[in-house]
């Protein structure tokens, strides 16, 4: 994986997160360190025994507490989860500032913009913290023109039929 690359996997199709995790495995196989932060993933992968065996090369974090879909939560529960999500974004900032990984995957981070939890500008500010030593992969259904222009690679995944 080239250093300092920003990749986006977007679209309505299934497979964006598995594609990002495939990159994680490739990076780990080359001796790199990977941090995966999942957003809006209900239960997510953080409880997976298999993924725990991939540590310390691949570490997966999910800051949300609820196992229910964000949109199904009450307003009060959503507000609580937004605090947890912002903690996850804070951790992403720390990871980028300290350079503690070679690949940072922000899984479903584009959904945070779609849901109005953060702005595209906030995400752009986070990406600006990236060093030349860290690659970033972002996933989600839609990508704004601003974020699209910041990316080195954009892959659109669709489901036909």
N, C-alpha and C. Protein backbone atom coordinates (compact mmCIF):
# COMPACT_ATOMS: atom_id res chain seq x y z
N UNK A 1 0.85 -1.17 0.00
CA UNK A 1 0.00 0.00 0.00
C UNK A 1 0.90 1.24 0.00
N UNK A 2 0.66 2.14 -0.93
CA UNK A 2 1.45 3.37 -0.98
C UNK A 2 1.19 4.20 0.27
N UNK A 3 2.19 4.93 0.71
CA UNK A 3 2.07 5.69 1.95
C UNK A 3 1.31 6.99 1.76
N UNK A 4 0.51 7.32 2.73
CA UNK A 4 -0.21 8.57 2.74
C UNK A 4 -1.40 8.64 1.81
N UNK A 5 -1.97 7.52 1.46
CA UNK A 5 -3.10 7.45 0.53
C UNK A 5 -4.43 7.56 1.30
N UNK A 6 -5.37 8.29 0.72
CA UNK A 6 -6.74 8.31 1.24
C UNK A 6 -7.60 7.57 0.22
N UNK A 7 -8.26 6.51 0.69
CA UNK A 7 -9.16 5.73 -0.16
C UNK A 7 -10.58 5.85 0.38
N UNK A 8 -11.53 5.85 -0.53
CA UNK A 8 -12.94 5.86 -0.15
C UNK A 8 -13.61 4.69 -0.86
N UNK A 9 -14.34 3.88 -0.09
CA UNK A 9 -15.20 2.85 -0.64
C UNK A 9 -16.62 3.29 -0.35
N UNK A 10 -17.35 3.65 -1.39
CA UNK A 10 -18.71 4.15 -1.19
C UNK A 10 -19.67 3.44 -2.13
N UNK A 11 -20.95 3.72 -1.94
CA UNK A 11 -21.97 3.17 -2.81
C UNK A 11 -23.03 2.42 -2.04
N UNK A 12 -24.06 2.04 -2.75
CA UNK A 12 -25.21 1.38 -2.12
C UNK A 12 -25.01 -0.12 -1.99
N UNK A 13 -23.98 -0.64 -2.61
CA UNK A 13 -23.77 -2.09 -2.59
C UNK A 13 -23.10 -2.58 -1.32
N UNK A 14 -23.16 -3.90 -1.16
CA UNK A 14 -22.52 -4.54 -0.03
C UNK A 14 -21.07 -4.84 -0.39
N UNK A 15 -20.18 -4.80 0.60
CA UNK A 15 -18.80 -5.17 0.37
C UNK A 15 -17.78 -4.10 0.65
N UNK A 16 -18.24 -2.92 1.05
CA UNK A 16 -17.30 -1.83 1.33
C UNK A 16 -16.43 -2.16 2.54
N UNK A 17 -17.04 -2.59 3.63
CA UNK A 17 -16.27 -2.94 4.83
C UNK A 17 -15.37 -4.15 4.60
N UNK A 18 -15.86 -5.23 3.95
CA UNK A 18 -14.96 -6.34 3.66
C UNK A 18 -13.76 -5.93 2.79
N UNK A 19 -13.97 -5.01 1.85
CA UNK A 19 -12.86 -4.53 1.02
C UNK A 19 -11.83 -3.81 1.90
N UNK A 20 -12.31 -2.99 2.81
CA UNK A 20 -11.41 -2.28 3.73
C UNK A 20 -10.67 -3.27 4.63
N UNK A 21 -11.37 -4.27 5.12
CA UNK A 21 -10.73 -5.27 5.98
C UNK A 21 -9.71 -6.10 5.21
N UNK A 22 -9.95 -6.32 3.93
CA UNK A 22 -8.97 -6.99 3.09
C UNK A 22 -7.68 -6.18 3.02
N UNK A 23 -7.80 -4.87 2.89
CA UNK A 23 -6.63 -3.99 2.91
C UNK A 23 -5.93 -4.07 4.26
N UNK A 24 -6.72 -4.20 5.33
CA UNK A 24 -6.14 -4.32 6.67
C UNK A 24 -5.27 -5.57 6.77
N UNK A 25 -5.77 -6.66 6.26
CA UNK A 25 -5.01 -7.91 6.30
C UNK A 25 -3.74 -7.78 5.46
N UNK A 26 -3.84 -7.17 4.29
CA UNK A 26 -2.65 -6.96 3.45
C UNK A 26 -1.60 -6.14 4.20
N UNK A 27 -2.03 -5.08 4.84
CA UNK A 27 -1.12 -4.22 5.59
C UNK A 27 -0.46 -4.99 6.72
N UNK A 28 -1.25 -5.76 7.47
CA UNK A 28 -0.72 -6.54 8.59
C UNK A 28 0.26 -7.61 8.09
N UNK A 29 -0.02 -8.21 6.95
CA UNK A 29 0.88 -9.23 6.39
C UNK A 29 2.24 -8.65 6.04
N UNK A 30 2.27 -7.36 5.74
CA UNK A 30 3.54 -6.69 5.43
C UNK A 30 4.20 -6.12 6.68
N UNK A 31 3.64 -6.44 7.86
CA UNK A 31 4.23 -5.95 9.10
C UNK A 31 3.68 -4.63 9.58
N UNK A 32 2.65 -4.11 8.92
CA UNK A 32 2.06 -2.84 9.32
C UNK A 32 1.06 -2.98 10.45
N UNK A 33 0.75 -1.86 11.07
CA UNK A 33 -0.23 -1.80 12.15
C UNK A 33 -1.49 -1.13 11.63
N UNK A 34 -2.65 -1.68 12.03
CA UNK A 34 -3.94 -1.21 11.53
C UNK A 34 -4.86 -0.90 12.70
N UNK A 35 -5.54 0.22 12.61
CA UNK A 35 -6.61 0.57 13.55
C UNK A 35 -7.89 0.71 12.74
N UNK A 36 -8.93 -0.01 13.17
CA UNK A 36 -10.25 0.07 12.55
C UNK A 36 -11.19 0.68 13.57
N UNK A 37 -11.85 1.76 13.20
CA UNK A 37 -12.87 2.36 14.06
C UNK A 37 -14.18 2.27 13.30
N UNK A 38 -15.14 1.56 13.92
CA UNK A 38 -16.44 1.36 13.28
C UNK A 38 -17.47 2.34 13.83
N UNK A 39 -18.28 2.86 12.93
CA UNK A 39 -19.37 3.76 13.28
C UNK A 39 -20.66 3.21 12.68
N UNK A 40 -21.78 3.40 13.38
CA UNK A 40 -23.10 3.07 12.86
C UNK A 40 -23.20 1.62 12.40
N UNK A 41 -22.56 0.72 13.09
CA UNK A 41 -22.51 -0.68 12.67
C UNK A 41 -23.30 -1.60 13.60
N UNK A 42 -24.26 -1.06 14.33
CA UNK A 42 -25.00 -1.86 15.30
C UNK A 42 -24.00 -2.55 16.22
N UNK A 43 -24.00 -3.87 16.27
CA UNK A 43 -23.07 -4.57 17.14
C UNK A 43 -21.64 -4.48 16.62
N UNK A 44 -21.46 -4.42 15.32
CA UNK A 44 -20.13 -4.31 14.75
C UNK A 44 -19.31 -5.56 14.91
N UNK A 45 -18.02 -5.42 14.69
CA UNK A 45 -17.10 -6.56 14.74
C UNK A 45 -16.28 -6.60 16.02
N UNK A 46 -16.42 -5.60 16.89
CA UNK A 46 -15.51 -5.49 18.02
C UNK A 46 -15.59 -6.67 18.98
N UNK A 47 -16.68 -7.41 19.00
CA UNK A 47 -16.82 -8.55 19.90
C UNK A 47 -16.37 -9.86 19.26
N UNK A 48 -15.86 -9.81 18.06
CA UNK A 48 -15.48 -11.02 17.34
C UNK A 48 -14.21 -11.63 17.93
N UNK A 49 -14.31 -12.88 18.32
CA UNK A 49 -13.15 -13.60 18.84
C UNK A 49 -12.07 -13.71 17.78
N UNK A 50 -12.47 -13.91 16.54
CA UNK A 50 -11.50 -14.01 15.46
C UNK A 50 -10.67 -12.73 15.35
N UNK A 51 -11.33 -11.58 15.37
CA UNK A 51 -10.60 -10.32 15.24
C UNK A 51 -9.66 -10.09 16.41
N UNK A 52 -10.03 -10.56 17.59
CA UNK A 52 -9.13 -10.42 18.75
C UNK A 52 -7.83 -11.19 18.53
N UNK A 53 -7.90 -12.27 17.77
CA UNK A 53 -6.69 -13.05 17.48
C UNK A 53 -5.76 -12.32 16.52
N UNK A 54 -6.27 -11.32 15.81
CA UNK A 54 -5.45 -10.56 14.87
C UNK A 54 -4.65 -9.46 15.57
N UNK A 55 -4.97 -9.22 16.85
CA UNK A 55 -4.24 -8.20 17.59
C UNK A 55 -2.84 -8.70 17.91
N UNK A 56 -1.85 -7.86 17.98
CA UNK A 56 -1.92 -6.40 18.00
C UNK A 56 -1.84 -5.75 16.62
N UNK A 57 -1.64 -6.54 15.55
CA UNK A 57 -1.48 -5.94 14.22
C UNK A 57 -2.74 -5.23 13.74
N UNK A 58 -3.91 -5.81 14.00
CA UNK A 58 -5.18 -5.20 13.60
C UNK A 58 -6.02 -5.05 14.86
N UNK A 59 -6.33 -3.79 15.19
CA UNK A 59 -7.16 -3.52 16.36
C UNK A 59 -8.46 -2.86 15.92
N UNK A 60 -9.57 -3.37 16.43
CA UNK A 60 -10.90 -2.90 16.03
C UNK A 60 -11.56 -2.23 17.23
N UNK A 61 -12.11 -1.03 16.99
CA UNK A 61 -12.78 -0.28 18.05
C UNK A 61 -14.17 0.12 17.60
N UNK A 62 -15.08 0.10 18.53
CA UNK A 62 -16.45 0.58 18.32
C UNK A 62 -16.83 1.31 19.59
N UNK A 63 -17.10 2.59 19.51
CA UNK A 63 -17.35 3.41 20.69
C UNK A 63 -18.83 3.49 21.04
N UNK A 64 -19.70 3.16 20.10
CA UNK A 64 -21.13 3.19 20.38
C UNK A 64 -21.49 2.06 21.34
N UNK A 65 -22.45 2.31 22.20
CA UNK A 65 -22.84 1.32 23.22
C UNK A 65 -24.03 0.48 22.80
N UNK A 66 -24.94 1.08 22.04
CA UNK A 66 -26.17 0.39 21.66
C UNK A 66 -25.89 -0.62 20.55
N UNK A 67 -26.58 -1.74 20.60
CA UNK A 67 -26.49 -2.72 19.53
C UNK A 67 -27.58 -2.50 18.48
N UNK A 68 -28.48 -1.55 18.74
CA UNK A 68 -29.57 -1.25 17.81
C UNK A 68 -29.07 -0.25 16.76
N UNK A 69 -29.74 -0.22 15.62
CA UNK A 69 -29.42 0.73 14.57
C UNK A 69 -29.65 2.15 15.06
N UNK A 70 -28.78 3.06 14.71
CA UNK A 70 -28.84 4.44 15.17
C UNK A 70 -30.21 5.06 14.89
N UNK A 71 -30.71 4.86 13.68
CA UNK A 71 -31.98 5.49 13.30
C UNK A 71 -33.18 4.94 14.07
N UNK A 72 -33.04 3.77 14.70
CA UNK A 72 -34.15 3.20 15.46
C UNK A 72 -34.15 3.65 16.92
N UNK A 73 -33.12 4.38 17.34
CA UNK A 73 -33.02 4.83 18.72
C UNK A 73 -33.90 6.05 18.96
N UNK A 74 -34.31 6.24 20.22
CA UNK A 74 -35.05 7.44 20.59
C UNK A 74 -34.10 8.65 20.47
N UNK A 75 -34.66 9.84 20.47
CA UNK A 75 -33.85 11.05 20.37
C UNK A 75 -32.80 11.11 21.48
N UNK A 76 -33.22 10.77 22.70
CA UNK A 76 -32.30 10.79 23.85
C UNK A 76 -31.17 9.77 23.67
N UNK A 77 -31.52 8.58 23.19
CA UNK A 77 -30.51 7.55 22.97
C UNK A 77 -29.55 7.96 21.84
N UNK A 78 -30.10 8.60 20.82
CA UNK A 78 -29.24 9.08 19.73
C UNK A 78 -28.25 10.12 20.24
N UNK A 79 -28.73 11.04 21.09
CA UNK A 79 -27.84 12.07 21.65
C UNK A 79 -26.71 11.43 22.45
N UNK A 80 -27.02 10.39 23.21
CA UNK A 80 -26.00 9.68 23.97
C UNK A 80 -25.00 9.00 23.04
N UNK A 81 -25.51 8.39 21.98
CA UNK A 81 -24.63 7.73 21.03
C UNK A 81 -23.76 8.73 20.27
N UNK A 82 -24.28 9.92 20.01
CA UNK A 82 -23.49 10.95 19.33
C UNK A 82 -22.27 11.31 20.18
N UNK A 83 -22.44 11.34 21.48
CA UNK A 83 -21.29 11.58 22.38
C UNK A 83 -20.28 10.45 22.22
N UNK A 84 -20.75 9.21 22.19
CA UNK A 84 -19.85 8.07 22.01
C UNK A 84 -19.16 8.11 20.65
N UNK A 85 -19.91 8.48 19.61
CA UNK A 85 -19.34 8.59 18.27
C UNK A 85 -18.25 9.65 18.25
N UNK A 86 -18.51 10.77 18.89
CA UNK A 86 -17.51 11.84 18.94
C UNK A 86 -16.26 11.39 19.70
N UNK A 87 -16.44 10.51 20.70
CA UNK A 87 -15.28 9.92 21.38
C UNK A 87 -14.47 9.08 20.40
N UNK A 88 -15.15 8.35 19.53
CA UNK A 88 -14.47 7.57 18.51
C UNK A 88 -13.69 8.45 17.55
N UNK A 89 -14.29 9.57 17.17
CA UNK A 89 -13.59 10.52 16.30
C UNK A 89 -12.39 11.14 17.02
N UNK A 90 -12.55 11.37 18.31
CA UNK A 90 -11.42 11.87 19.11
C UNK A 90 -10.28 10.87 19.13
N UNK A 91 -10.62 9.59 19.22
CA UNK A 91 -9.59 8.56 19.19
C UNK A 91 -8.91 8.54 17.82
N UNK A 92 -9.68 8.71 16.76
CA UNK A 92 -9.11 8.76 15.42
C UNK A 92 -8.12 9.93 15.31
N UNK A 93 -8.46 11.07 15.91
CA UNK A 93 -7.55 12.22 15.91
C UNK A 93 -6.24 11.85 16.60
N UNK A 94 -6.35 11.19 17.75
CA UNK A 94 -5.16 10.78 18.51
C UNK A 94 -4.30 9.83 17.68
N UNK A 95 -4.94 8.87 17.05
CA UNK A 95 -4.22 7.90 16.22
C UNK A 95 -3.45 8.61 15.10
N UNK A 96 -4.10 9.57 14.46
CA UNK A 96 -3.45 10.29 13.37
C UNK A 96 -2.32 11.19 13.88
N UNK A 97 -2.54 11.85 15.00
CA UNK A 97 -1.51 12.75 15.55
C UNK A 97 -0.28 11.99 16.01
N UNK A 98 -0.48 10.81 16.60
CA UNK A 98 0.64 10.05 17.14
C UNK A 98 1.26 9.11 16.11
N UNK A 99 0.59 8.89 15.00
CA UNK A 99 1.11 7.99 13.97
C UNK A 99 1.21 6.56 14.45
N UNK A 100 0.28 6.15 15.30
CA UNK A 100 0.37 4.81 15.90
C UNK A 100 -0.04 3.68 14.98
N UNK A 101 -0.44 4.00 13.75
CA UNK A 101 -0.75 2.93 12.81
C UNK A 101 -0.34 3.33 11.41
N UNK A 102 -0.24 2.32 10.56
CA UNK A 102 0.09 2.55 9.15
C UNK A 102 -1.17 2.71 8.31
N UNK A 103 -2.28 2.12 8.80
CA UNK A 103 -3.56 2.20 8.11
C UNK A 103 -4.65 2.44 9.13
N UNK A 104 -5.42 3.50 8.92
CA UNK A 104 -6.58 3.81 9.75
C UNK A 104 -7.82 3.62 8.90
N UNK A 105 -8.69 2.73 9.33
CA UNK A 105 -9.96 2.50 8.63
C UNK A 105 -11.08 3.14 9.45
N UNK A 106 -11.78 4.07 8.84
CA UNK A 106 -12.93 4.73 9.44
C UNK A 106 -14.17 4.14 8.78
N UNK A 107 -14.62 3.03 9.34
CA UNK A 107 -15.69 2.25 8.74
C UNK A 107 -17.04 2.91 8.97
N UNK A 108 -17.72 3.24 7.89
CA UNK A 108 -19.03 3.90 7.87
C UNK A 108 -18.98 5.34 8.38
N UNK A 109 -17.80 5.97 8.32
CA UNK A 109 -17.68 7.36 8.75
C UNK A 109 -18.46 8.29 7.83
N UNK A 110 -18.62 7.92 6.56
CA UNK A 110 -19.39 8.77 5.65
C UNK A 110 -20.86 8.81 6.06
N UNK A 111 -21.32 7.75 6.73
CA UNK A 111 -22.69 7.74 7.26
C UNK A 111 -22.91 8.78 8.35
N UNK A 112 -21.83 9.15 9.05
CA UNK A 112 -21.95 10.19 10.07
C UNK A 112 -22.31 11.52 9.42
N UNK A 113 -21.74 11.78 8.25
CA UNK A 113 -22.07 13.00 7.51
C UNK A 113 -23.49 12.89 6.97
N UNK A 114 -23.83 11.74 6.40
CA UNK A 114 -25.19 11.53 5.86
C UNK A 114 -26.26 11.76 6.91
N UNK A 115 -25.97 11.35 8.15
CA UNK A 115 -26.95 11.46 9.24
C UNK A 115 -26.87 12.79 9.99
N UNK A 116 -26.01 13.69 9.55
CA UNK A 116 -25.89 15.00 10.20
C UNK A 116 -25.22 14.96 11.56
N UNK A 117 -24.52 13.87 11.88
CA UNK A 117 -23.84 13.74 13.16
C UNK A 117 -22.57 14.59 13.17
N UNK A 118 -21.88 14.62 12.04
CA UNK A 118 -20.75 15.52 11.84
C UNK A 118 -20.92 16.16 10.47
N UNK A 119 -20.16 17.20 10.23
CA UNK A 119 -20.20 17.85 8.93
C UNK A 119 -19.06 17.33 8.06
N UNK A 120 -19.18 17.55 6.78
CA UNK A 120 -18.09 17.20 5.88
C UNK A 120 -16.83 17.98 6.22
N UNK A 121 -17.01 19.20 6.69
CA UNK A 121 -15.88 20.03 7.08
C UNK A 121 -15.14 19.43 8.29
N UNK A 122 -15.90 18.89 9.26
CA UNK A 122 -15.27 18.25 10.42
C UNK A 122 -14.45 17.03 9.98
N UNK A 123 -14.99 16.26 9.05
CA UNK A 123 -14.27 15.10 8.56
C UNK A 123 -13.04 15.53 7.78
N UNK A 124 -13.17 16.58 7.01
CA UNK A 124 -12.03 17.12 6.27
C UNK A 124 -10.92 17.56 7.23
N UNK A 125 -11.28 18.20 8.34
CA UNK A 125 -10.30 18.61 9.35
C UNK A 125 -9.59 17.41 9.96
N UNK A 126 -10.33 16.33 10.17
CA UNK A 126 -9.73 15.11 10.70
C UNK A 126 -8.71 14.56 9.69
N UNK A 127 -9.09 14.51 8.42
CA UNK A 127 -8.20 13.98 7.39
C UNK A 127 -6.93 14.82 7.25
N UNK A 128 -7.03 16.11 7.55
CA UNK A 128 -5.87 17.00 7.45
C UNK A 128 -4.78 16.63 8.46
N UNK A 129 -5.11 15.85 9.47
CA UNK A 129 -4.13 15.43 10.47
C UNK A 129 -3.25 14.28 9.99
N UNK A 130 -3.60 13.71 8.86
CA UNK A 130 -2.89 12.54 8.32
C UNK A 130 -1.46 12.90 7.98
N UNK A 131 -0.55 12.03 8.37
CA UNK A 131 0.85 12.19 7.99
C UNK A 131 1.11 11.42 6.70
N UNK A 132 2.30 11.58 6.16
CA UNK A 132 2.67 10.83 4.96
C UNK A 132 2.89 9.36 5.27
N UNK A 133 2.92 9.01 6.54
CA UNK A 133 3.18 7.63 6.94
C UNK A 133 1.90 6.82 7.17
N UNK A 134 0.74 7.46 7.08
CA UNK A 134 -0.51 6.79 7.40
C UNK A 134 -1.47 6.84 6.22
N UNK A 135 -2.00 5.68 5.88
CA UNK A 135 -3.07 5.59 4.89
C UNK A 135 -4.41 5.61 5.63
N UNK A 136 -5.43 6.11 4.96
CA UNK A 136 -6.78 6.15 5.53
C UNK A 136 -7.74 5.55 4.53
N UNK A 137 -8.63 4.71 5.04
CA UNK A 137 -9.76 4.21 4.24
C UNK A 137 -11.03 4.64 4.94
N UNK A 138 -11.94 5.24 4.18
CA UNK A 138 -13.25 5.61 4.69
C UNK A 138 -14.30 4.85 3.91
N UNK A 139 -15.34 4.39 4.61
CA UNK A 139 -16.44 3.71 3.93
C UNK A 139 -17.75 4.42 4.24
N UNK A 140 -18.73 4.17 3.38
CA UNK A 140 -20.06 4.72 3.58
C UNK A 140 -20.82 4.74 2.27
N UNK A 141 -22.10 5.08 2.34
CA UNK A 141 -22.94 5.03 1.15
C UNK A 141 -22.68 6.17 0.18
N UNK A 142 -22.57 7.39 0.70
CA UNK A 142 -22.39 8.54 -0.19
C UNK A 142 -21.17 9.34 0.24
N UNK A 143 -20.58 10.01 -0.73
CA UNK A 143 -19.40 10.83 -0.47
C UNK A 143 -19.61 12.20 -1.09
N UNK A 144 -19.30 13.23 -0.32
CA UNK A 144 -19.48 14.60 -0.81
C UNK A 144 -18.39 14.93 -1.83
N UNK A 145 -18.64 15.94 -2.62
CA UNK A 145 -17.67 16.38 -3.62
C UNK A 145 -16.37 16.81 -2.95
N UNK A 146 -16.48 17.48 -1.79
CA UNK A 146 -15.28 17.95 -1.08
C UNK A 146 -14.41 16.76 -0.67
N UNK A 147 -15.01 15.75 -0.05
CA UNK A 147 -14.25 14.59 0.37
C UNK A 147 -13.74 13.80 -0.83
N UNK A 148 -14.57 13.73 -1.86
CA UNK A 148 -14.17 13.04 -3.08
C UNK A 148 -12.89 13.65 -3.65
N UNK A 149 -12.79 14.98 -3.60
CA UNK A 149 -11.62 15.66 -4.15
C UNK A 149 -10.38 15.46 -3.28
N UNK A 150 -10.55 15.12 -2.02
CA UNK A 150 -9.41 14.88 -1.13
C UNK A 150 -8.84 13.47 -1.28
N UNK A 151 -9.62 12.58 -1.84
CA UNK A 151 -9.22 11.17 -1.92
C UNK A 151 -8.28 10.92 -3.08
N UNK A 152 -7.37 9.97 -2.86
CA UNK A 152 -6.48 9.52 -3.92
C UNK A 152 -7.16 8.45 -4.78
N UNK A 153 -8.04 7.69 -4.14
CA UNK A 153 -8.79 6.64 -4.84
C UNK A 153 -10.22 6.64 -4.31
N UNK A 154 -11.18 6.54 -5.21
CA UNK A 154 -12.58 6.39 -4.82
C UNK A 154 -13.14 5.19 -5.58
N UNK A 155 -13.65 4.24 -4.83
CA UNK A 155 -14.25 3.06 -5.42
C UNK A 155 -15.74 3.07 -5.08
N UNK A 156 -16.58 2.96 -6.09
CA UNK A 156 -18.02 2.90 -5.87
C UNK A 156 -18.47 1.46 -6.03
N UNK A 157 -19.14 0.96 -5.01
CA UNK A 157 -19.61 -0.41 -5.01
C UNK A 157 -21.13 -0.38 -5.09
N UNK A 158 -21.68 -1.04 -6.11
CA UNK A 158 -23.12 -1.09 -6.29
C UNK A 158 -23.58 -2.54 -6.36
N UNK A 159 -24.85 -2.73 -6.09
CA UNK A 159 -25.45 -4.04 -6.22
C UNK A 159 -26.42 -3.98 -7.39
N UNK A 160 -26.23 -4.86 -8.34
CA UNK A 160 -27.12 -4.88 -9.49
C UNK A 160 -28.11 -6.02 -9.34
N UNK A 161 -29.28 -5.80 -9.90
CA UNK A 161 -30.27 -6.86 -9.91
C UNK A 161 -31.20 -6.82 -8.85
